[in-house]
N, C-alpha and C. Protein backbone atom coordinates (compact mmCIF):
# COMPACT_ATOMS: atom_id res chain seq x y z
N MET A 1 0.74 65.76 20.44
CA MET A 1 0.85 65.68 18.78
C MET A 1 2.08 65.63 18.12
N ALA A 2 1.96 64.82 17.17
CA ALA A 2 3.13 64.96 16.29
C ALA A 2 3.35 65.90 15.60
N SER A 3 4.78 66.39 15.32
CA SER A 3 5.37 67.34 14.71
C SER A 3 4.95 67.40 13.22
N LEU A 4 4.93 68.40 12.52
CA LEU A 4 4.65 68.51 11.20
C LEU A 4 5.48 67.47 10.23
N ARG A 5 6.80 67.72 10.85
CA ARG A 5 7.73 67.05 10.21
C ARG A 5 7.74 65.48 9.82
N ILE A 6 7.29 65.17 10.85
CA ILE A 6 7.27 63.60 11.39
C ILE A 6 6.01 63.06 10.53
N VAL A 7 4.63 63.99 10.50
CA VAL A 7 3.53 63.23 9.65
C VAL A 7 3.95 63.39 8.35
N LYS A 8 4.55 64.48 7.75
CA LYS A 8 5.10 64.34 6.49
C LYS A 8 6.00 63.38 5.90
N LYS A 9 6.90 63.14 6.97
CA LYS A 9 7.77 61.83 6.70
C LYS A 9 6.92 60.68 6.42
N ASP A 10 6.01 60.39 7.20
CA ASP A 10 5.12 59.22 7.13
C ASP A 10 4.49 59.00 5.93
N ILE A 11 4.00 60.20 5.66
CA ILE A 11 3.47 60.35 4.06
C ILE A 11 4.21 59.79 3.21
N ASP A 12 5.43 60.70 3.12
CA ASP A 12 6.19 60.43 1.90
C ASP A 12 6.87 58.52 2.01
N PHE A 13 7.10 58.32 3.39
CA PHE A 13 7.73 56.80 3.11
C PHE A 13 6.64 55.88 2.72
N LEU A 14 5.34 55.98 3.33
CA LEU A 14 4.26 55.20 2.82
C LEU A 14 4.03 55.57 1.10
N ILE A 15 3.85 56.61 0.67
CA ILE A 15 3.78 56.57 -0.62
C ILE A 15 4.90 56.42 -1.54
N SER A 16 6.19 56.50 -1.19
CA SER A 16 7.21 55.63 -1.73
C SER A 16 7.22 54.41 -1.89
N GLU A 17 6.68 53.78 -0.78
CA GLU A 17 6.52 52.31 -0.87
C GLU A 17 5.97 51.84 -1.85
N VAL A 18 4.51 52.54 -1.90
CA VAL A 18 3.44 51.98 -2.73
C VAL A 18 4.39 52.17 -4.19
N ILE A 19 4.89 53.21 -4.62
CA ILE A 19 5.25 53.62 -6.00
C ILE A 19 6.66 52.51 -6.01
N SER A 20 7.52 52.29 -5.20
CA SER A 20 8.49 51.46 -5.54
C SER A 20 7.82 49.83 -5.83
N ASP A 21 6.65 49.73 -5.07
CA ASP A 21 6.23 48.35 -5.16
C ASP A 21 5.92 48.22 -6.82
N CYS A 22 5.19 49.36 -7.24
CA CYS A 22 5.00 49.18 -8.75
C CYS A 22 6.06 49.42 -9.43
N TRP A 23 7.19 50.21 -9.35
CA TRP A 23 8.18 50.03 -10.13
C TRP A 23 9.00 48.65 -10.19
N VAL A 24 9.08 47.98 -9.09
CA VAL A 24 9.38 46.63 -8.84
C VAL A 24 8.29 45.74 -10.23
N PHE A 25 7.43 45.76 -9.80
CA PHE A 25 6.12 45.09 -10.83
C PHE A 25 6.38 45.45 -12.02
N MET A 26 6.82 46.59 -12.51
CA MET A 26 6.82 47.12 -13.92
C MET A 26 8.01 46.36 -14.18
N TYR A 27 9.20 46.06 -13.65
CA TYR A 27 10.37 45.92 -13.75
C TYR A 27 10.50 43.98 -14.13
N ILE A 28 9.94 43.55 -13.19
CA ILE A 28 9.57 42.18 -13.04
C ILE A 28 9.08 41.61 -14.57
N ASN A 29 7.70 42.31 -14.59
CA ASN A 29 6.63 42.25 -15.60
C ASN A 29 6.60 42.99 -16.46
N PRO A 30 7.72 43.35 -17.57
CA PRO A 30 7.68 44.59 -18.46
C PRO A 30 6.21 44.62 -19.54
N ASP A 31 5.92 43.48 -19.55
CA ASP A 31 4.80 43.22 -20.62
C ASP A 31 3.29 42.95 -20.32
N LYS A 32 3.32 43.03 -18.76
CA LYS A 32 1.87 43.01 -18.37
C LYS A 32 1.54 44.18 -17.46
N LYS A 33 0.27 44.81 -17.94
CA LYS A 33 -0.30 45.84 -17.10
C LYS A 33 0.41 47.06 -16.57
N THR A 34 1.57 47.38 -17.34
CA THR A 34 2.11 48.35 -17.21
C THR A 34 1.23 49.60 -16.92
N ASP A 35 0.26 50.06 -18.04
CA ASP A 35 -0.67 51.13 -17.69
C ASP A 35 -1.25 51.13 -16.12
N ASP A 36 -1.98 50.13 -15.95
CA ASP A 36 -2.42 50.01 -14.77
C ASP A 36 -1.44 50.50 -13.61
N ALA A 37 -0.30 49.95 -13.88
CA ALA A 37 0.76 50.10 -12.57
C ALA A 37 1.06 51.58 -12.72
N VAL A 38 0.88 52.23 -13.74
CA VAL A 38 1.46 53.91 -13.69
C VAL A 38 0.37 54.49 -13.21
N ALA A 39 -1.04 53.94 -13.60
CA ALA A 39 -2.03 54.51 -12.92
C ALA A 39 -2.31 54.33 -11.12
N VAL A 40 -1.70 53.51 -10.78
CA VAL A 40 -1.44 53.41 -9.45
C VAL A 40 -0.46 54.34 -8.72
N ILE A 41 0.55 54.74 -9.56
CA ILE A 41 1.68 55.72 -9.00
C ILE A 41 1.02 56.99 -9.40
N ASN A 42 0.16 57.40 -10.24
CA ASN A 42 -0.66 58.54 -10.37
C ASN A 42 -1.47 58.82 -9.24
N ASP A 43 -2.42 57.76 -8.82
CA ASP A 43 -3.25 57.76 -7.97
C ASP A 43 -2.16 58.02 -6.58
N ALA A 44 -1.11 57.23 -6.22
CA ALA A 44 -0.56 57.58 -5.12
C ALA A 44 0.14 59.24 -4.95
N VAL A 45 0.49 59.74 -5.96
CA VAL A 45 0.90 60.93 -6.02
C VAL A 45 0.32 61.90 -5.80
N ALA A 46 -1.11 61.53 -6.47
CA ALA A 46 -2.70 62.54 -5.84
C ALA A 46 -2.58 62.34 -4.51
N LEU A 47 -2.63 61.03 -3.95
CA LEU A 47 -3.20 61.15 -2.36
C LEU A 47 -1.94 61.92 -1.64
N ARG A 48 -0.62 61.92 -1.96
CA ARG A 48 0.46 62.64 -1.09
C ARG A 48 -0.10 64.12 -1.28
N ASN A 49 -0.32 64.71 -2.52
CA ASN A 49 -0.34 65.79 -2.27
C ASN A 49 -1.72 66.45 -1.98
N GLU A 50 -2.66 65.35 -1.98
CA GLU A 50 -4.17 66.03 -1.11
C GLU A 50 -3.74 65.92 0.50
N LEU A 51 -2.93 64.83 0.64
CA LEU A 51 -2.89 64.72 2.39
C LEU A 51 -1.52 66.17 2.58
N TYR A 52 -0.95 66.33 1.98
CA TYR A 52 -0.01 67.59 2.25
C TYR A 52 -0.82 68.61 2.18
N ASN A 53 -1.39 68.92 1.53
CA ASN A 53 -2.42 70.22 1.57
C ASN A 53 -3.28 70.06 2.63
N ARG A 54 -3.65 69.16 3.23
CA ARG A 54 -4.39 69.16 4.23
C ARG A 54 -3.55 69.03 5.71
N VAL A 55 -2.60 68.77 5.27
CA VAL A 55 -1.27 68.63 6.72
C VAL A 55 -1.28 70.52 7.01
N ASN A 56 -0.83 71.17 5.57
CA ASN A 56 -0.57 72.45 5.69
C ASN A 56 -1.80 73.32 6.03
N GLN A 57 -2.83 73.14 5.85
CA GLN A 57 -4.09 73.83 6.23
C GLN A 57 -4.65 73.63 7.53
N ARG A 58 -3.89 73.41 8.45
CA ARG A 58 -4.73 72.85 9.95
C ARG A 58 -5.23 73.87 10.71
N PRO A 59 -6.39 73.48 11.34
CA PRO A 59 -7.24 74.47 12.31
C PRO A 59 -6.49 74.81 13.37
N ALA A 60 -6.91 75.97 13.90
CA ALA A 60 -6.40 76.51 15.08
C ALA A 60 -6.92 75.58 16.51
N GLU A 61 -8.29 75.10 16.02
CA GLU A 61 -8.94 74.50 16.94
C GLU A 61 -8.79 72.83 16.42
N ASN A 62 -9.24 71.98 17.33
CA ASN A 62 -9.26 70.56 17.19
C ASN A 62 -8.21 69.90 16.36
N ALA A 63 -6.87 70.91 16.40
CA ALA A 63 -5.71 70.11 15.64
C ALA A 63 -5.79 68.46 15.54
N LYS A 64 -5.82 68.10 17.04
CA LYS A 64 -5.67 66.68 17.14
C LYS A 64 -6.58 65.81 16.28
N LYS A 65 -7.75 66.10 16.35
CA LYS A 65 -8.85 65.47 15.43
C LYS A 65 -8.37 65.54 13.96
N HIS A 66 -7.84 66.73 13.35
CA HIS A 66 -7.75 66.89 12.19
C HIS A 66 -6.67 66.08 11.83
N PHE A 67 -5.42 65.94 12.34
CA PHE A 67 -4.08 64.92 12.32
C PHE A 67 -5.01 63.48 12.44
N LYS A 68 -5.46 63.21 13.21
CA LYS A 68 -5.82 61.86 13.35
C LYS A 68 -6.64 61.47 12.09
N ALA A 69 -7.50 62.45 11.28
CA ALA A 69 -8.23 62.03 10.42
C ALA A 69 -7.61 61.91 8.89
N ILE A 70 -6.49 63.18 9.21
CA ILE A 70 -5.43 62.81 8.21
C ILE A 70 -4.70 61.28 8.26
N ASN A 71 -4.22 60.84 9.35
CA ASN A 71 -3.60 59.66 9.34
C ASN A 71 -4.40 58.53 9.06
N MET A 72 -5.54 58.73 9.30
CA MET A 72 -6.65 57.31 8.93
C MET A 72 -6.83 57.47 7.57
N ASP A 73 -7.05 58.50 7.09
CA ASP A 73 -7.17 58.60 5.49
C ASP A 73 -5.71 58.22 4.95
N LEU A 74 -4.56 58.34 5.15
CA LEU A 74 -3.49 58.04 4.76
C LEU A 74 -3.47 56.17 4.82
N LEU A 75 -3.48 55.90 6.00
CA LEU A 75 -3.53 54.34 6.16
C LEU A 75 -4.63 53.59 5.20
N LYS A 76 -5.59 54.42 5.46
CA LYS A 76 -6.43 53.65 4.43
C LYS A 76 -6.63 53.82 3.09
N GLY A 77 -5.94 54.85 2.38
CA GLY A 77 -5.51 55.20 0.83
C GLY A 77 -4.41 54.27 0.40
N VAL A 78 -3.46 54.24 1.60
CA VAL A 78 -2.45 53.51 1.32
C VAL A 78 -2.60 51.69 0.86
N ASP A 79 -3.42 51.45 1.84
CA ASP A 79 -4.21 50.29 1.89
C ASP A 79 -4.75 49.83 0.58
N GLU A 80 -5.75 50.61 0.44
CA GLU A 80 -6.27 50.44 -1.32
C GLU A 80 -5.23 50.43 -2.20
N LEU A 81 -4.17 51.47 -2.27
CA LEU A 81 -3.15 51.28 -3.35
C LEU A 81 -2.52 50.03 -3.30
N PHE A 82 -2.27 49.48 -2.11
CA PHE A 82 -1.30 48.11 -1.84
C PHE A 82 -2.18 47.23 -2.45
N VAL A 83 -3.59 47.13 -2.56
CA VAL A 83 -4.48 45.76 -2.62
C VAL A 83 -4.52 46.28 -4.48
N ARG A 84 -4.42 47.12 -4.74
CA ARG A 84 -4.50 47.17 -6.38
C ARG A 84 -3.26 47.12 -7.09
N VAL A 85 -2.18 47.07 -6.39
CA VAL A 85 -1.03 46.54 -6.70
C VAL A 85 -0.67 44.86 -6.50
N SER A 86 -1.39 44.39 -5.68
CA SER A 86 -1.27 43.12 -5.60
C SER A 86 -2.22 42.54 -6.67
N ASN A 87 -3.43 43.20 -6.86
CA ASN A 87 -4.44 42.86 -7.98
C ASN A 87 -3.79 42.90 -9.35
N LEU A 88 -2.75 43.59 -9.53
CA LEU A 88 -2.04 43.46 -10.42
C LEU A 88 -1.45 42.08 -11.27
N THR A 89 -0.98 41.17 -10.23
CA THR A 89 -0.60 40.39 -10.54
C THR A 89 -1.28 38.85 -10.76
N LYS A 90 -2.54 39.25 -10.53
CA LYS A 90 -3.72 37.91 -10.69
C LYS A 90 -3.67 38.13 -12.40
């Protein structure tokens, strides 16, 4: 099992990548879909907070299964956010 610090760093890194992509989009396209980009940022922050709460409430039993589920939800959530960011350019 990875340490909690590494799990939290992974969460922070991936969420910060989504947010930075939104900022780059808003910088390059100041007149296009800014509200949608801000909505993606808000959803990314909400995902980060939800995952942090789940990491901090780890069970005594089945910890490996718990953290595997968190990792899968992180990857799935970040993938959906990146798809939303890429759809902003269309």
